[in-house]
Amino acid sequence: MASALATALACGCGGEAKEPPAATASRTKPPPRTPPLRPARCPAAVAGCRVATGRIIYVERVDPDGDGDAHFVLASRASITAPGISAIDVRRGLRPKPLPTLGDRVSAAGPVEVGSYGQRQIHAVRVRVAR
């Protein structure tokens, strides 16, 4: 019995240890390039104009006051609303079609105004979107 146990231990469960298969070169496609987003520019006639560019982290598609504008909150270095955050108010006639969604990139230019919750936000006069 001892010799049978010694033989089983020496052989192991799978025989000799095998080397892992050689790594094969991956032929995956590179991730798709996102189109460049040119920053929006302030019109010369707009006093107090600022530009914010960033990724959308929140979209308000239906404005509670019913005037048809859209609101975007961007992760943005411009920090219009708070550190790293810029809120954008886009009037009905300037709303991009289709409306951007989370993760899309937006650049907006316009005067900074106080929103309905007391937040600083850009009232967009120009908007650009990259999906």
C-alpha atoms as a PDB file:
ATOM      1  CA  MET A   1       0.000   0.000   0.000  1.00  0.00           C
ATOM      2  CA  ALA A   2       2.833   2.375   0.830  1.00  0.00           C
ATOM      3  CA  SER A   3       4.425   1.734  -2.566  1.00  0.00           C
ATOM      4  CA  ALA A   4       1.099   2.416  -4.351  1.00  0.00           C
ATOM      5  CA  LEU A   5       0.734   5.716  -2.465  1.00  0.00           C
ATOM      6  CA  ALA A   6       4.312   6.710  -3.292  1.00  0.00           C
ATOM      7  CA  THR A   7       3.737   5.895  -6.974  1.00  0.00           C
ATOM      8  CA  ALA A   8       0.497   7.971  -7.056  1.00  0.00           C
ATOM      9  CA  LEU A   9       2.214  10.943  -5.417  1.00  0.00           C
ATOM     10  CA  ALA A  10       5.146  10.745  -7.803  1.00  0.00           C
ATOM     11  CA  CYS A  11       2.886  10.667 -10.848  1.00  0.00           C
ATOM     12  CA  GLY A  12       0.557  13.407  -9.635  1.00  0.00           C
ATOM     13  CA  CYS A  13      -2.849  14.017 -11.091  1.00  0.00           C
ATOM     14  CA  GLY A  14      -1.875  15.164 -14.516  1.00  0.00           C
ATOM     15  CA  GLY A  15       1.453  13.516 -15.162  1.00  0.00           C
ATOM     16  CA  GLU A  16       4.408  15.746 -15.838  1.00  0.00           C
ATOM     17  CA  ALA A  17       4.041  19.486 -15.425  1.00  0.00           C
ATOM     18  CA  LYS A  18       3.360  21.127 -18.729  1.00  0.00           C
ATOM     19  CA  GLU A  19       4.635  24.513 -19.760  1.00  0.00           C
ATOM     20  CA  PRO A  20       1.973  27.134 -20.394  1.00  0.00           C
ATOM     21  CA  PRO A  21       1.138  27.628 -24.067  1.00  0.00           C
ATOM     22  CA  ALA A  22       3.242  30.250 -25.785  1.00  0.00           C
ATOM     23  CA  ALA A  23       1.658  33.686 -25.778  1.00  0.00           C
ATOM     24  CA  THR A  24       0.126  34.465 -29.118  1.00  0.00           C
ATOM     25  CA  ALA A  25       0.062  37.930 -30.572  1.00  0.00           C
ATOM     26  CA  SER A  26      -3.324  39.505 -30.102  1.00  0.00           C
ATOM     27  CA  ARG A  27      -4.886  40.692 -33.328  1.00  0.00           C
ATOM     28  CA  THR A  28      -7.558  42.815 -31.765  1.00  0.00           C
ATOM     29  CA  LYS A  29      -8.607  46.058 -33.345  1.00  0.00           C
ATOM     30  CA  PRO A  30      -7.473  49.219 -31.616  1.00  0.00           C
ATOM     31  CA  PRO A  31     -10.283  51.088 -29.885  1.00  0.00           C
ATOM     32  CA  PRO A  32     -12.151  53.415 -32.226  1.00  0.00           C
ATOM     33  CA  ARG A  33     -10.811  56.942 -32.230  1.00  0.00           C
ATOM     34  CA  THR A  34     -13.193  59.488 -30.898  1.00  0.00           C
ATOM     35  CA  PRO A  35     -13.644  62.440 -33.212  1.00  0.00           C
ATOM     36  CA  PRO A  36     -11.838  65.561 -32.101  1.00  0.00           C
ATOM     37  CA  LEU A  37     -13.891  68.195 -30.352  1.00  0.00           C
ATOM     38  CA  ARG A  38     -12.967  71.745 -31.224  1.00  0.00           C
ATOM     39  CA  PRO A  39     -13.692  74.016 -28.272  1.00  0.00           C
ATOM     40  CA  ALA A  40     -16.564  76.430 -28.743  1.00  0.00           C
ATOM     41  CA  ARG A  41     -15.516  80.073 -29.059  1.00  0.00           C
ATOM     42  CA  CYS A  42     -17.009  83.115 -27.448  1.00  0.00           C
ATOM     43  CA  PRO A  43     -18.523  85.657 -29.808  1.00  0.00           C
ATOM     44  CA  ALA A  44     -16.761  89.002 -29.458  1.00  0.00           C
ATOM     45  CA  ALA A  45     -20.036  90.783 -28.634  1.00  0.00           C
ATOM     46  CA  VAL A  46     -20.866  88.576 -25.609  1.00  0.00           C
ATOM     47  CA  ALA A  47     -19.638  90.175 -22.391  1.00  0.00           C
ATOM     48  CA  GLY A  48     -18.468  87.853 -19.631  1.00  0.00           C
ATOM     49  CA  CYS A  49     -18.349  84.895 -21.981  1.00  0.00           C
ATOM     50  CA  ARG A  50     -16.659  81.691 -20.794  1.00  0.00           C
ATOM     51  CA  VAL A  51     -15.981  78.330 -22.406  1.00  0.00           C
ATOM     52  CA  ALA A  52     -16.310  74.910 -20.778  1.00  0.00           C
ATOM     53  CA  THR A  53     -15.374  71.624 -22.434  1.00  0.00           C
ATOM     54  CA  GLY A  54     -15.734  68.150 -20.952  1.00  0.00           C
ATOM     55  CA  ARG A  55     -17.597  64.849 -20.713  1.00  0.00           C
ATOM     56  CA  ILE A  56     -21.272  64.805 -19.818  1.00  0.00           C
ATOM     57  CA  ILE A  57     -21.917  63.318 -16.383  1.00  0.00           C
ATOM     58  CA  TYR A  58     -25.580  64.376 -16.130  1.00  0.00           C
ATOM     59  CA  VAL A  59     -28.288  65.322 -18.649  1.00  0.00           C
ATOM     60  CA  GLU A  60     -31.580  67.007 -17.838  1.00  0.00           C
ATOM     61  CA  ARG A  61     -33.620  66.313 -20.978  1.00  0.00           C
ATOM     62  CA  VAL A  62     -36.910  67.764 -19.766  1.00  0.00           C
ATOM     63  CA  ASP A  63     -36.658  71.097 -17.989  1.00  0.00           C
ATOM     64  CA  PRO A  64     -39.101  71.338 -15.055  1.00  0.00           C
ATOM     65  CA  ASP A  65     -40.089  74.922 -15.946  1.00  0.00           C
ATOM     66  CA  GLY A  66     -41.259  73.782 -19.384  1.00  0.00           C
ATOM     67  CA  ASP A  67     -39.339  76.233 -21.576  1.00  0.00           C
ATOM     68  CA  GLY A  68     -37.708  73.418 -23.570  1.00  0.00           C
ATOM     69  CA  ASP A  69     -34.081  74.018 -22.734  1.00  0.00           C
ATOM     70  CA  ALA A  70     -31.657  71.243 -21.828  1.00  0.00           C
ATOM     71  CA  HIS A  71     -29.054  71.173 -19.090  1.00  0.00           C
ATOM     72  CA  PHE A  72     -25.739  69.341 -19.142  1.00  0.00           C
ATOM     73  CA  VAL A  73     -23.312  68.884 -16.299  1.00  0.00           C
ATOM     74  CA  LEU A  74     -19.754  68.344 -17.475  1.00  0.00           C
ATOM     75  CA  ALA A  75     -16.631  67.035 -15.825  1.00  0.00           C
ATOM     76  CA  SER A  76     -14.645  70.081 -16.875  1.00  0.00           C
ATOM     77  CA  ARG A  77     -11.423  71.861 -15.986  1.00  0.00           C
ATOM     78  CA  ALA A  78     -13.200  75.189 -16.472  1.00  0.00           C
ATOM     79  CA  SER A  79     -14.838  74.657 -13.040  1.00  0.00           C
ATOM     80  CA  ILE A  80     -17.666  77.127 -13.709  1.00  0.00           C
ATOM     81  CA  THR A  81     -20.067  75.608 -11.158  1.00  0.00           C
ATOM     82  CA  ALA A  82     -17.758  73.825  -8.715  1.00  0.00           C
ATOM     83  CA  PRO A  83     -14.227  72.414  -8.789  1.00  0.00           C
ATOM     84  CA  GLY A  84     -14.090  70.128 -11.845  1.00  0.00           C
ATOM     85  CA  ILE A  85     -17.763  70.708 -12.686  1.00  0.00           C
ATOM     86  CA  SER A  86     -19.437  73.007 -15.221  1.00  0.00           C
ATOM     87  CA  ALA A  87     -23.203  73.261 -15.742  1.00  0.00           C
ATOM     88  CA  ILE A  88     -24.477  74.282 -19.178  1.00  0.00           C
ATOM     89  CA  ASP A  89     -27.953  75.662 -19.951  1.00  0.00           C
ATOM     90  CA  VAL A  90     -28.861  75.221 -23.632  1.00  0.00           C
ATOM     91  CA  ARG A  91     -31.965  77.002 -24.921  1.00  0.00           C
ATOM     92  CA  ARG A  92     -34.525  75.125 -27.029  1.00  0.00           C
ATOM     93  CA  GLY A  93     -33.360  76.523 -30.390  1.00  0.00           C
ATOM     94  CA  LEU A  94     -29.739  75.569 -29.706  1.00  0.00           C
ATOM     95  CA  ARG A  95     -30.376  72.021 -28.404  1.00  0.00           C
ATOM     96  CA  PRO A  96     -28.283  69.503 -30.367  1.00  0.00           C
ATOM     97  CA  LYS A  97     -30.254  66.810 -32.217  1.00  0.00           C
ATOM     98  CA  PRO A  98     -30.069  64.102 -31.131  1.00  0.00           C
ATOM     99  CA  LEU A  99     -29.477  65.224 -27.576  1.00  0.00           C
ATOM    100  CA  PRO A 100     -26.065  64.130 -26.240  1.00  0.00           C
ATOM    101  CA  THR A 101     -25.949  61.427 -23.580  1.00  0.00           C
ATOM    102  CA  LEU A 102     -23.703  60.434 -20.699  1.00  0.00           C
ATOM    103  CA  GLY A 103     -20.076  60.194 -21.754  1.00  0.00           C
ATOM    104  CA  ASP A 104     -20.439  62.377 -24.853  1.00  0.00           C
ATOM    105  CA  ARG A 105     -18.117  65.370 -25.032  1.00  0.00           C
ATOM    106  CA  VAL A 106     -19.485  68.889 -25.164  1.00  0.00           C
ATOM    107  CA  SER A 107     -17.980  72.320 -25.522  1.00  0.00           C
ATOM    108  CA  ALA A 108     -20.140  75.354 -24.805  1.00  0.00           C
ATOM    109  CA  ALA A 109     -19.552  79.095 -24.789  1.00  0.00           C
ATOM    110  CA  GLY A 110     -21.682  81.823 -23.273  1.00  0.00           C
ATOM    111  CA  PRO A 111     -22.098  84.215 -20.392  1.00  0.00           C
ATOM    112  CA  VAL A 112     -22.035  82.845 -16.852  1.00  0.00           C
ATOM    113  CA  GLU A 113     -25.376  83.315 -15.115  1.00  0.00           C
ATOM    114  CA  VAL A 114     -26.977  82.141 -11.892  1.00  0.00           C
ATOM    115  CA  GLY A 115     -29.286  79.140 -12.315  1.00  0.00           C
ATOM    116  CA  SER A 116     -32.561  78.372 -10.546  1.00  0.00           C
ATOM    117  CA  TYR A 117     -30.744  76.617  -7.696  1.00  0.00           C
ATOM    118  CA  GLY A 118     -28.232  79.420  -7.218  1.00  0.00           C
ATOM    119  CA  GLN A 119     -25.493  77.649  -9.181  1.00  0.00           C
ATOM    120  CA  ARG A 120     -23.177  79.364 -11.638  1.00  0.00           C
ATOM    121  CA  GLN A 121     -23.720  78.000 -15.155  1.00  0.00           C
ATOM    122  CA  ILE A 122     -22.973  78.868 -18.751  1.00  0.00           C
ATOM    123  CA  HIS A 123     -25.994  80.105 -20.682  1.00  0.00           C
ATOM    124  CA  ALA A 124     -24.823  78.672 -24.006  1.00  0.00           C
ATOM    125  CA  VAL A 125     -24.760  80.749 -27.153  1.00  0.00           C
ATOM    126  CA  ARG A 126     -22.580  78.158 -28.948  1.00  0.00           C
ATOM    127  CA  VAL A 127     -22.482  74.391 -28.447  1.00  0.00           C
ATOM    128  CA  ARG A 128     -20.387  71.642 -30.036  1.00  0.00           C
ATOM    129  CA  VAL A 129     -20.784  67.906 -29.473  1.00  0.00           C
ATOM    130  CA  ALA A 130     -18.582  64.868 -30.130  1.00  0.00           C
ATOM    131  CA  ARG A 131     -20.033  61.422 -29.612  1.00  0.00           C
END
